[in-house]
Amino acid sequence: MVGPSGVEKVETVLLALLQANADVLDIDANCAVIDSAARDAAAAGAAVLVTPELFPVGYAPRRVRAALDPAELPGLHRRLAGIARSHGIGLVYSLPRITQQGEWQISATLLDTDGSTLLGYGKVHLFGSDERAAFAPAAERPGVVNFQGIPTSMVICYDVEFPEAVRAAAAGGAELLLVPTALAHGFDDVPQILVRARALESQLAIAYANHSGVEDGCRFLGGSVIAGPDGKLLAAAGEAPVLLYAELDADAPRRERAGVPYLAERRPDVYRSWGS
């Protein structure tokens, strides 16, 4: 089916999330996990596989900053693009990136099924002393691209806990938000309350992919979720490694926005006058 804009309209899309334990700085092992998950997700008919924050290098900000050779990054991007292309599946992954000013940032990339880059994003809100010691915050607005007929955006981990970040994606037209994350054990309210609230208030679907197990002394929550634009959970994981799936009704965001037009009825000029 083709919509009014001439873009092919999809009715449903299958999302896949990788929840797994990475080996810090063992790129070969971590890429093998992604490759296996991409193969299985593609065989199941998933349009995209979302992987956790910094998964290809492991989540250990200070160690990664100290030991990772930036010269390895271009080859790692090509390797991940090869995984997407070989399995014919979209892929979201997160890696360090080096700016032209020499700053290290945490980034996320969305690849199309042919391995081409559709969208990049830099993490705006850094969490904790380790991230702030190793990385600089980015400042870019979340971009929006057409992925498989769905307007799609990305943020990273702590970003999703700020309504402003998610609302910026929604105001830009996003109906699906893909979120690589690295959430520690003990923060259960983030996927169970905050992520669902962000989905409901901005009326978009959110796919939130976390680590599991222990990396560099940090015990991760797991708890990856896929929330619909009504705030209801479409899928939720426990603590163990898992490949999580949910089918998204592509028309659901538009139906929710027509029923209760939060986005259309915002009053940004008034909010600015409040000094917020």
C-alpha atoms as a PDB file:
ATOM      1  CA  MET A   1       0.000   0.000   0.000  1.00  0.00           C
ATOM      2  CA  VAL A   2       1.234   3.526  -0.816  1.00  0.00           C
ATOM      3  CA  GLY A   3       0.297   6.466   1.395  1.00  0.00           C
ATOM      4  CA  PRO A   4      -0.536  10.051   0.333  1.00  0.00           C
ATOM      5  CA  SER A   5       3.131  11.073   0.406  1.00  0.00           C
ATOM      6  CA  GLY A   6       4.042   8.364  -2.078  1.00  0.00           C
ATOM      7  CA  VAL A   7       5.932   6.392   0.585  1.00  0.00           C
ATOM      8  CA  GLU A   8       4.965   2.754   0.920  1.00  0.00           C
ATOM      9  CA  LYS A   9       2.758   2.346   3.971  1.00  0.00           C
ATOM     10  CA  VAL A  10       3.296  -0.626   6.268  1.00  0.00           C
ATOM     11  CA  GLU A  11       0.618  -2.049   8.532  1.00  0.00           C
ATOM     12  CA  THR A  12       2.837  -3.745  11.114  1.00  0.00           C
ATOM     13  CA  VAL A  13       6.546  -4.014  11.777  1.00  0.00           C
ATOM     14  CA  LEU A  14       8.354  -6.553  13.934  1.00  0.00           C
ATOM     15  CA  LEU A  15      10.955  -5.055  16.284  1.00  0.00           C
ATOM     16  CA  ALA A  16      13.776  -7.074  17.865  1.00  0.00           C
ATOM     17  CA  LEU A  17      15.858  -6.049  20.903  1.00  0.00           C
ATOM     18  CA  LEU A  18      19.088  -7.706  21.977  1.00  0.00           C
ATOM     19  CA  GLN A  19      19.514  -7.940  25.753  1.00  0.00           C
ATOM     20  CA  ALA A  20      22.895  -9.519  26.447  1.00  0.00           C
ATOM     21  CA  ASN A  21      26.138  -9.384  28.429  1.00  0.00           C
ATOM     22  CA  ALA A  22      29.109  -7.851  26.622  1.00  0.00           C
ATOM     23  CA  ASP A  23      32.781  -8.643  27.204  1.00  0.00           C
ATOM     24  CA  VAL A  24      34.546  -5.344  27.807  1.00  0.00           C
ATOM     25  CA  LEU A  25      36.939  -4.562  24.937  1.00  0.00           C
ATOM     26  CA  ASP A  26      36.469  -8.006  23.343  1.00  0.00           C
ATOM     27  CA  ILE A  27      35.146  -6.653  20.065  1.00  0.00           C
ATOM     28  CA  ASP A  28      35.237  -9.996  18.271  1.00  0.00           C
ATOM     29  CA  ALA A  29      33.114 -11.700  20.931  1.00  0.00           C
ATOM     30  CA  ASN A  30      30.619  -8.842  21.096  1.00  0.00           C
ATOM     31  CA  CYS A  31      30.257  -8.624  17.331  1.00  0.00           C
ATOM     32  CA  ALA A  32      29.684 -12.378  17.225  1.00  0.00           C
ATOM     33  CA  VAL A  33      26.779 -11.929  19.658  1.00  0.00           C
ATOM     34  CA  ILE A  34      25.317  -9.172  17.469  1.00  0.00           C
ATOM     35  CA  ASP A  35      25.799 -11.259  14.322  1.00  0.00           C
ATOM     36  CA  SER A  36      24.008 -14.253  15.853  1.00  0.00           C
ATOM     37  CA  ALA A  37      21.159 -12.088  17.109  1.00  0.00           C
ATOM     38  CA  ALA A  38      20.833 -10.360  13.735  1.00  0.00           C
ATOM     39  CA  ARG A  39      20.640 -13.728  11.980  1.00  0.00           C
ATOM     40  CA  ASP A  40      17.937 -14.981  14.343  1.00  0.00           C
ATOM     41  CA  ALA A  41      15.982 -11.717  14.268  1.00  0.00           C
ATOM     42  CA  ALA A  42      16.056 -11.604  10.466  1.00  0.00           C
ATOM     43  CA  ALA A  43      14.877 -15.224  10.298  1.00  0.00           C
ATOM     44  CA  ALA A  44      11.952 -14.253  12.544  1.00  0.00           C
ATOM     45  CA  GLY A  45      11.022 -11.450  10.158  1.00  0.00           C
ATOM     46  CA  ALA A  46      12.191  -8.496  12.272  1.00  0.00           C
ATOM     47  CA  ALA A  47      12.766  -5.212  10.464  1.00  0.00           C
ATOM     48  CA  VAL A  48      15.381  -3.961  12.934  1.00  0.00           C
ATOM     49  CA  LEU A  49      17.585  -5.199  15.753  1.00  0.00           C
ATOM     50  CA  VAL A  50      18.308  -2.701  18.541  1.00  0.00           C
ATOM     51  CA  THR A  51      21.434  -3.424  20.605  1.00  0.00           C
ATOM     52  CA  PRO A  52      22.501  -1.911  23.969  1.00  0.00           C
ATOM     53  CA  GLU A  53      24.605   1.181  24.579  1.00  0.00           C
ATOM     54  CA  LEU A  54      28.303   0.708  23.695  1.00  0.00           C
ATOM     55  CA  PHE A  55      27.702  -3.036  23.307  1.00  0.00           C
ATOM     56  CA  PRO A  56      30.377  -3.701  20.637  1.00  0.00           C
ATOM     57  CA  VAL A  57      33.096  -2.479  23.037  1.00  0.00           C
ATOM     58  CA  GLY A  58      31.333  -3.202  26.334  1.00  0.00           C
ATOM     59  CA  TYR A  59      30.029  -0.667  28.821  1.00  0.00           C
ATOM     60  CA  ALA A  60      33.065   0.520  30.797  1.00  0.00           C
ATOM     61  CA  PRO A  61      33.520   4.218  30.000  1.00  0.00           C
ATOM     62  CA  ARG A  62      36.913   4.819  31.649  1.00  0.00           C
ATOM     63  CA  ARG A  63      38.441   1.566  30.356  1.00  0.00           C
ATOM     64  CA  VAL A  64      37.103   2.108  26.869  1.00  0.00           C
ATOM     65  CA  ARG A  65      38.438   5.652  26.772  1.00  0.00           C
ATOM     66  CA  ALA A  66      41.857   4.548  28.024  1.00  0.00           C
ATOM     67  CA  ALA A  67      42.309   1.412  25.915  1.00  0.00           C
ATOM     68  CA  LEU A  68      40.287   1.750  22.714  1.00  0.00           C
ATOM     69  CA  ASP A  69      42.311   2.913  19.732  1.00  0.00           C
ATOM     70  CA  PRO A  70      40.153   5.383  17.748  1.00  0.00           C
ATOM     71  CA  ALA A  71      41.758   4.012  14.577  1.00  0.00           C
ATOM     72  CA  GLU A  72      39.690   0.845  15.141  1.00  0.00           C
ATOM     73  CA  LEU A  73      36.363   2.660  14.890  1.00  0.00           C
ATOM     74  CA  PRO A  74      36.015   2.997  11.084  1.00  0.00           C
ATOM     75  CA  GLY A  75      36.642  -0.721  10.646  1.00  0.00           C
ATOM     76  CA  LEU A  76      34.167  -1.531  13.402  1.00  0.00           C
ATOM     77  CA  HIS A  77      31.488   0.549  11.695  1.00  0.00           C
ATOM     78  CA  ARG A  78      32.159  -1.354   8.456  1.00  0.00           C
ATOM     79  CA  ARG A  79      31.977  -4.661  10.303  1.00  0.00           C
ATOM     80  CA  LEU A  80      28.592  -3.830  11.816  1.00  0.00           C
ATOM     81  CA  ALA A  81      27.339  -2.602   8.441  1.00  0.00           C
ATOM     82  CA  GLY A  82      28.382  -5.958   7.028  1.00  0.00           C
ATOM     83  CA  ILE A  83      26.299  -7.749   9.667  1.00  0.00           C
ATOM     84  CA  ALA A  84      23.202  -5.736   8.750  1.00  0.00           C
ATOM     85  CA  ARG A  85      23.789  -6.260   5.028  1.00  0.00           C
ATOM     86  CA  SER A  86      24.497  -9.988   5.251  1.00  0.00           C
ATOM     87  CA  HIS A  87      21.285 -10.660   7.178  1.00  0.00           C
ATOM     88  CA  GLY A  88      19.136  -8.029   5.460  1.00  0.00           C
ATOM     89  CA  ILE A  89      18.040  -6.390   8.701  1.00  0.00           C
ATOM     90  CA  GLY A  90      18.115  -2.868  10.077  1.00  0.00           C
ATOM     91  CA  LEU A  91      20.553  -2.456  12.961  1.00  0.00           C
ATOM     92  CA  VAL A  92      20.979   0.026  15.804  1.00  0.00           C
ATOM     93  CA  TYR A  93      24.348   0.016  17.547  1.00  0.00           C
ATOM     94  CA  SER A  94      26.214   2.373  19.865  1.00  0.00           C
ATOM     95  CA  LEU A  95      29.923   3.242  19.821  1.00  0.00           C
ATOM     96  CA  PRO A  96      32.257   6.017  20.936  1.00  0.00           C
ATOM     97  CA  ARG A  97      32.826   8.685  18.338  1.00  0.00           C
ATOM     98  CA  ILE A  98      35.527  11.336  18.078  1.00  0.00           C
ATOM     99  CA  THR A  99      34.470  14.842  17.052  1.00  0.00           C
ATOM    100  CA  GLN A 100      36.508  17.158  14.841  1.00  0.00           C
ATOM    101  CA  GLN A 101      37.482  18.953  18.043  1.00  0.00           C
ATOM    102  CA  GLY A 102      38.882  15.709  19.454  1.00  0.00           C
ATOM    103  CA  GLU A 103      36.110  15.149  21.994  1.00  0.00           C
ATOM    104  CA  TRP A 104      34.899  11.617  22.710  1.00  0.00           C
ATOM    105  CA  GLN A 105      31.137  11.191  22.681  1.00  0.00           C
ATOM    106  CA  ILE A 106      28.734   8.263  22.952  1.00  0.00           C
ATOM    107  CA  SER A 107      26.912   7.752  19.662  1.00  0.00           C
ATOM    108  CA  ALA A 108      24.218   5.583  18.128  1.00  0.00           C
ATOM    109  CA  THR A 109      23.786   4.617  14.483  1.00  0.00           C
ATOM    110  CA  LEU A 110      20.762   3.269  12.617  1.00  0.00           C
ATOM    111  CA  LEU A 111      21.626   1.153   9.573  1.00  0.00           C
ATOM    112  CA  ASP A 112      19.258   0.176   6.786  1.00  0.00           C
ATOM    113  CA  THR A 113      18.927  -3.417   5.634  1.00  0.00           C
ATOM    114  CA  ASP A 114      21.673  -2.900   3.038  1.00  0.00           C
ATOM    115  CA  GLY A 115      24.126  -1.668   5.675  1.00  0.00           C
ATOM    116  CA  SER A 116      23.878   1.994   4.698  1.00  0.00           C
ATOM    117  CA  THR A 117      23.689   4.599   7.452  1.00  0.00           C
ATOM    118  CA  LEU A 118      20.260   6.174   7.857  1.00  0.00           C
ATOM    119  CA  LEU A 119      20.766   8.145  11.051  1.00  0.00           C
ATOM    120  CA  GLY A 120      23.380   9.053  13.632  1.00  0.00           C
ATOM    121  CA  TYR A 121      22.959  10.573  17.088  1.00  0.00           C
ATOM    122  CA  GLY A 122      25.180  11.738  19.950  1.00  0.00           C
ATOM    123  CA  LYS A 123      24.212  11.288  23.602  1.00  0.00           C
ATOM    124  CA  VAL A 124      23.140  14.604  25.142  1.00  0.00           C
ATOM    125  CA  HIS A 125      22.712  13.633  28.809  1.00  0.00           C
ATOM    126  CA  LEU A 126      25.649  11.811  30.383  1.00  0.00           C
ATOM    127  CA  PHE A 127      24.987   9.764  33.528  1.00  0.00           C
ATOM    128  CA  GLY A 128      27.394   9.429  36.428  1.00  0.00           C
ATOM    129  CA  SER A 129      31.027  10.263  37.065  1.00  0.00           C
ATOM    130  CA  ASP A 130      32.459   7.540  34.806  1.00  0.00           C
ATOM    131  CA  GLU A 131      30.639   8.754  31.707  1.00  0.00           C
ATOM    132  CA  ARG A 132      31.480  12.377  32.460  1.00  0.00           C
ATOM    133  CA  ALA A 133      35.161  11.509  32.947  1.00  0.00           C
ATOM    134  CA  ALA A 134      35.380   9.626  29.663  1.00  0.00           C
ATOM    135  CA  PHE A 135      33.002  11.461  27.329  1.00  0.00           C
ATOM    136  CA  ALA A 136      31.702  14.898  26.443  1.00  0.00           C
ATOM    137  CA  PRO A 137      27.960  15.531  25.988  1.00  0.00           C
ATOM    138  CA  ALA A 138      26.608  16.089  22.502  1.00  0.00           C
ATOM    139  CA  ALA A 139      24.037  18.792  21.747  1.00  0.00           C
ATOM    140  CA  GLU A 140      22.272  17.672  18.571  1.00  0.00           C
ATOM    141  CA  ARG A 141      18.526  17.419  18.248  1.00  0.00           C
ATOM    142  CA  PRO A 142      17.269  13.868  17.585  1.00  0.00           C
ATOM    143  CA  GLY A 143      16.893  13.417  13.851  1.00  0.00           C
ATOM    144  CA  VAL A 144      14.005  11.630  12.141  1.00  0.00           C
ATOM    145  CA  VAL A 145      14.216   9.328   9.117  1.00  0.00           C
ATOM    146  CA  ASN A 146      11.829   7.111   7.213  1.00  0.00           C
ATOM    147  CA  PHE A 147      12.671   3.544   8.228  1.00  0.00           C
ATOM    148  CA  GLN A 148      10.511   0.823   6.703  1.00  0.00           C
ATOM    149  CA  GLY A 149       7.719   3.373   6.212  1.00  0.00           C
ATOM    150  CA  ILE A 150       7.808   4.577   9.848  1.00  0.00           C
ATOM    151  CA  PRO A 151       9.226   7.975  10.929  1.00  0.00           C
ATOM    152  CA  THR A 152      12.005   6.849  13.271  1.00  0.00           C
ATOM    153  CA  SER A 153      14.384   8.561  15.691  1.00  0.00           C
ATOM    154  CA  MET A 154      16.972   7.655  18.339  1.00  0.00           C
ATOM    155  CA  VAL A 155      18.176   8.765  21.749  1.00  0.00           C
ATOM    156  CA  ILE A 156      20.582   6.990  24.114  1.00  0.00           C
ATOM    157  CA  CYS A 157      19.949   5.674  27.634  1.00  0.00           C
ATOM    158  CA  TYR A 158      19.673   8.589  30.110  1.00  0.00           C
ATOM    159  CA  ASP A 159      18.333  10.839  27.331  1.00  0.00           C
ATOM    160  CA  VAL A 160      14.988   9.027  27.367  1.00  0.00           C
ATOM    161  CA  GLU A 161      14.454   9.987  31.004  1.00  0.00           C
ATOM    162  CA  PHE A 162      14.131  13.641  29.959  1.00  0.00           C
ATOM    163  CA  PRO A 163      10.750  14.498  28.443  1.00  0.00           C
ATOM    164  CA  GLU A 164      12.362  17.263  26.388  1.00  0.00           C
ATOM    165  CA  ALA A 165      14.518  14.802  24.422  1.00  0.00           C
ATOM    166  CA  VAL A 166      11.658  12.488  23.527  1.00  0.00           C
ATOM    167  CA  ARG A 167       9.301  15.367  22.803  1.00  0.00           C
ATOM    168  CA  ALA A 168      11.875  16.856  20.422  1.00  0.00           C
ATOM    169  CA  ALA A 169      11.895  13.587  18.475  1.00  0.00           C
ATOM    170  CA  ALA A 170       8.086  13.448  18.442  1.00  0.00           C
ATOM    171  CA  ALA A 171       7.770  17.104  17.421  1.00  0.00           C
ATOM    172  CA  GLY A 172      10.104  16.297  14.532  1.00  0.00           C
ATOM    173  CA  GLY A 173       7.625  13.684  13.355  1.00  0.00           C
ATOM    174  CA  ALA A 174       8.986  10.504  14.976  1.00  0.00           C
ATOM    175  CA  GLU A 175       6.531   7.677  15.597  1.00  0.00           C
ATOM    176  CA  LEU A 176       9.182   5.152  16.678  1.00  0.00           C
ATOM    177  CA  LEU A 177      12.078   5.868  19.061  1.00  0.00           C
ATOM    178  CA  LEU A 178      14.994   3.404  19.259  1.00  0.00           C
ATOM    179  CA  VAL A 179      17.017   3.544  22.484  1.00  0.00           C
ATOM    180  CA  PRO A 180      20.280   1.689  23.192  1.00  0.00           C
ATOM    181  CA  THR A 181      20.807   1.799  26.963  1.00  0.00           C
ATOM    182  CA  ALA A 182      23.078   0.682  29.803  1.00  0.00           C
ATOM    183  CA  LEU A 183      20.864   0.744  32.893  1.00  0.00           C
ATOM    184  CA  ALA A 184      22.185  -0.558  36.200  1.00  0.00           C
ATOM    185  CA  HIS A 185      20.337  -2.871  38.549  1.00  0.00           C
ATOM    186  CA  GLY A 186      18.078  -1.031  40.990  1.00  0.00           C
ATOM    187  CA  PHE A 187      16.577   1.417  38.505  1.00  0.00           C
ATOM    188  CA  ASP A 188      13.493  -0.664  37.679  1.00  0.00           C
ATOM    189  CA  ASP A 189      11.258   2.423  37.549  1.00  0.00           C
ATOM    190  CA  VAL A 190      13.004   3.659  34.402  1.00  0.00           C
ATOM    191  CA  PRO A 191      11.699   0.986  31.988  1.00  0.00           C
ATOM    192  CA  GLN A 192       8.527   0.263  33.921  1.00  0.00           C
ATOM    193  CA  ILE A 193       7.396   3.865  34.540  1.00  0.00           C
ATOM    194  CA  LEU A 194       9.522   6.501  32.792  1.00  0.00           C
ATOM    195  CA  VAL A 195       9.849   4.832  29.392  1.00  0.00           C
ATOM    196  CA  ARG A 196       6.131   4.074  29.327  1.00  0.00           C
ATOM    197  CA  ALA A 197       5.342   7.667  30.339  1.00  0.00           C
ATOM    198  CA  ARG A 198       7.580   9.029  27.576  1.00  0.00           C
ATOM    199  CA  ALA A 199       5.804   6.810  25.051  1.00  0.00           C
ATOM    200  CA  LEU A 200       2.359   7.861  26.265  1.00  0.00           C
ATOM    201  CA  GLU A 201       2.964  11.602  26.516  1.00  0.00           C
ATOM    202  CA  SER A 202       4.625  11.836  23.090  1.00  0.00           C
ATOM    203  CA  GLN A 203       2.451   9.099  21.570  1.00  0.00           C
ATOM    204  CA  LEU A 204       5.219   7.135  19.913  1.00  0.00           C
ATOM    205  CA  ALA A 205       6.539   3.610  20.312  1.00  0.00           C
ATOM    206  CA  ILE A 206       9.796   3.161  22.230  1.00  0.00           C
ATOM    207  CA  ALA A 207      12.186   0.213  21.915  1.00  0.00           C
ATOM    208  CA  TYR A 208      14.624   0.239  24.859  1.00  0.00           C
ATOM    209  CA  ALA A 209      17.496  -2.304  24.753  1.00  0.00           C
ATOM    210  CA  ASN A 210      19.648  -2.910  27.846  1.00  0.00           C
ATOM    211  CA  HIS A 211      22.633  -4.985  28.907  1.00  0.00           C
ATOM    212  CA  SER A 212      22.350  -7.958  31.237  1.00  0.00           C
ATOM    213  CA  GLY A 213      24.805  -9.474  33.703  1.00  0.00           C
ATOM    214  CA  VAL A 214      27.941  -7.740  35.035  1.00  0.00           C
ATOM    215  CA  GLU A 215      30.440  -5.681  33.058  1.00  0.00           C
ATOM    216  CA  ASP A 216      33.406  -3.942  34.668  1.00  0.00           C
ATOM    217  CA  GLY A 217      31.811  -4.361  38.110  1.00  0.00           C
ATOM    218  CA  CYS A 218      28.437  -2.910  37.103  1.00  0.00           C
ATOM    219  CA  ARG A 219      25.433  -5.192  37.472  1.00  0.00           C
ATOM    220  CA  PHE A 220      22.861  -4.394  34.823  1.00  0.00           C
ATOM    221  CA  LEU A 221      19.110  -4.516  35.284  1.00  0.00           C
ATOM    222  CA  GLY A 222      18.142  -6.123  32.011  1.00  0.00           C
ATOM    223  CA  GLY A 223      14.476  -5.185  31.894  1.00  0.00           C
ATOM    224  CA  SER A 224      14.447  -4.175  28.231  1.00  0.00           C
ATOM    225  CA  VAL A 225      11.019  -3.052  27.054  1.00  0.00           C
ATOM    226  CA  ILE A 226       9.026  -2.141  23.973  1.00  0.00           C
ATOM    227  CA  ALA A 227       6.254   0.327  24.791  1.00  0.00           C
ATOM    228  CA  GLY A 228       3.421   1.318  22.502  1.00  0.00           C
ATOM    229  CA  PRO A 229       2.242   4.888  21.883  1.00  0.00           C
ATOM    230  CA  ASP A 230      -0.499   4.375  24.481  1.00  0.00           C
ATOM    231  CA  GLY A 231       2.109   3.617  27.160  1.00  0.00           C
ATOM    232  CA  LYS A 232       1.244  -0.072  27.321  1.00  0.00           C
ATOM    233  CA  LEU A 233       4.032  -2.643  27.241  1.00  0.00           C
ATOM    234  CA  LEU A 234       4.234  -4.661  24.044  1.00  0.00           C
ATOM    235  CA  ALA A 235       7.122  -6.755  25.407  1.00  0.00           C
ATOM    236  CA  ALA A 236       9.298  -6.816  28.523  1.00  0.00           C
ATOM    237  CA  ALA A 237      12.385  -8.798  29.546  1.00  0.00           C
ATOM    238  CA  GLY A 238      13.647 -10.028  32.902  1.00  0.00           C
ATOM    239  CA  GLU A 239      17.327 -10.010  33.893  1.00  0.00           C
ATOM    240  CA  ALA A 240      18.563 -12.841  31.659  1.00  0.00           C
ATOM    241  CA  PRO A 241      19.949 -12.491  28.127  1.00  0.00           C
ATOM    242  CA  VAL A 242      17.153 -12.617  25.579  1.00  0.00           C
ATOM    243  CA  LEU A 243      16.167 -11.625  22.068  1.00  0.00           C
ATOM    244  CA  LEU A 244      12.967  -9.684  22.674  1.00  0.00           C
ATOM    245  CA  TYR A 245      10.322  -9.214  19.978  1.00  0.00           C
ATOM    246  CA  ALA A 246       7.182  -7.123  19.592  1.00  0.00           C
ATOM    247  CA  GLU A 247       4.964  -6.352  16.637  1.00  0.00           C
ATOM    248  CA  LEU A 248       4.194  -2.670  16.234  1.00  0.00           C
ATOM    249  CA  ASP A 249       0.971  -1.449  14.634  1.00  0.00           C
ATOM    250  CA  ALA A 250       2.314   1.260  12.343  1.00  0.00           C
ATOM    251  CA  ASP A 251      -0.933   3.254  12.509  1.00  0.00           C
ATOM    252  CA  ALA A 252      -1.111   3.254  16.321  1.00  0.00           C
ATOM    253  CA  PRO A 253       0.815   6.530  16.865  1.00  0.00           C
ATOM    254  CA  ARG A 254      -1.446   8.398  14.433  1.00  0.00           C
ATOM    255  CA  ARG A 255      -4.567   6.996  16.074  1.00  0.00           C
ATOM    256  CA  GLU A 256      -3.366   8.011  19.531  1.00  0.00           C
ATOM    257  CA  ARG A 257      -2.484  11.521  18.341  1.00  0.00           C
ATOM    258  CA  ALA A 258      -5.876  11.928  16.698  1.00  0.00           C
ATOM    259  CA  GLY A 259      -7.688  10.832  19.848  1.00  0.00           C
ATOM    260  CA  VAL A 260      -5.782  13.052  22.317  1.00  0.00           C
ATOM    261  CA  PRO A 261      -3.739  15.637  20.360  1.00  0.00           C
ATOM    262  CA  TYR A 262      -0.953  16.324  22.853  1.00  0.00           C
ATOM    263  CA  LEU A 263       1.509  17.369  20.151  1.00  0.00           C
ATOM    264  CA  ALA A 264      -0.912  19.587  18.241  1.00  0.00           C
ATOM    265  CA  GLU A 265      -2.134  21.346  21.372  1.00  0.00           C
ATOM    266  CA  ARG A 266       1.236  22.219  22.881  1.00  0.00           C
ATOM    267  CA  ARG A 267       1.806  25.926  23.623  1.00  0.00           C
ATOM    268  CA  PRO A 268       5.579  26.396  23.322  1.00  0.00           C
ATOM    269  CA  ASP A 269       5.384  30.217  23.353  1.00  0.00           C
ATOM    270  CA  VAL A 270       3.627  30.076  26.705  1.00  0.00           C
ATOM    271  CA  TYR A 271       6.121  27.579  28.076  1.00  0.00           C
ATOM    272  CA  ARG A 272       9.017  29.842  27.046  1.00  0.00           C
ATOM    273  CA  SER A 273       7.375  32.718  28.917  1.00  0.00           C
ATOM    274  CA  TRP A 274       7.498  30.570  32.041  1.00  0.00           C
ATOM    275  CA  GLY A 275      11.288  30.508  31.794  1.00  0.00           C
ATOM    276  CA  SER A 276      11.444  26.708  31.766  1.00  0.00           C
END
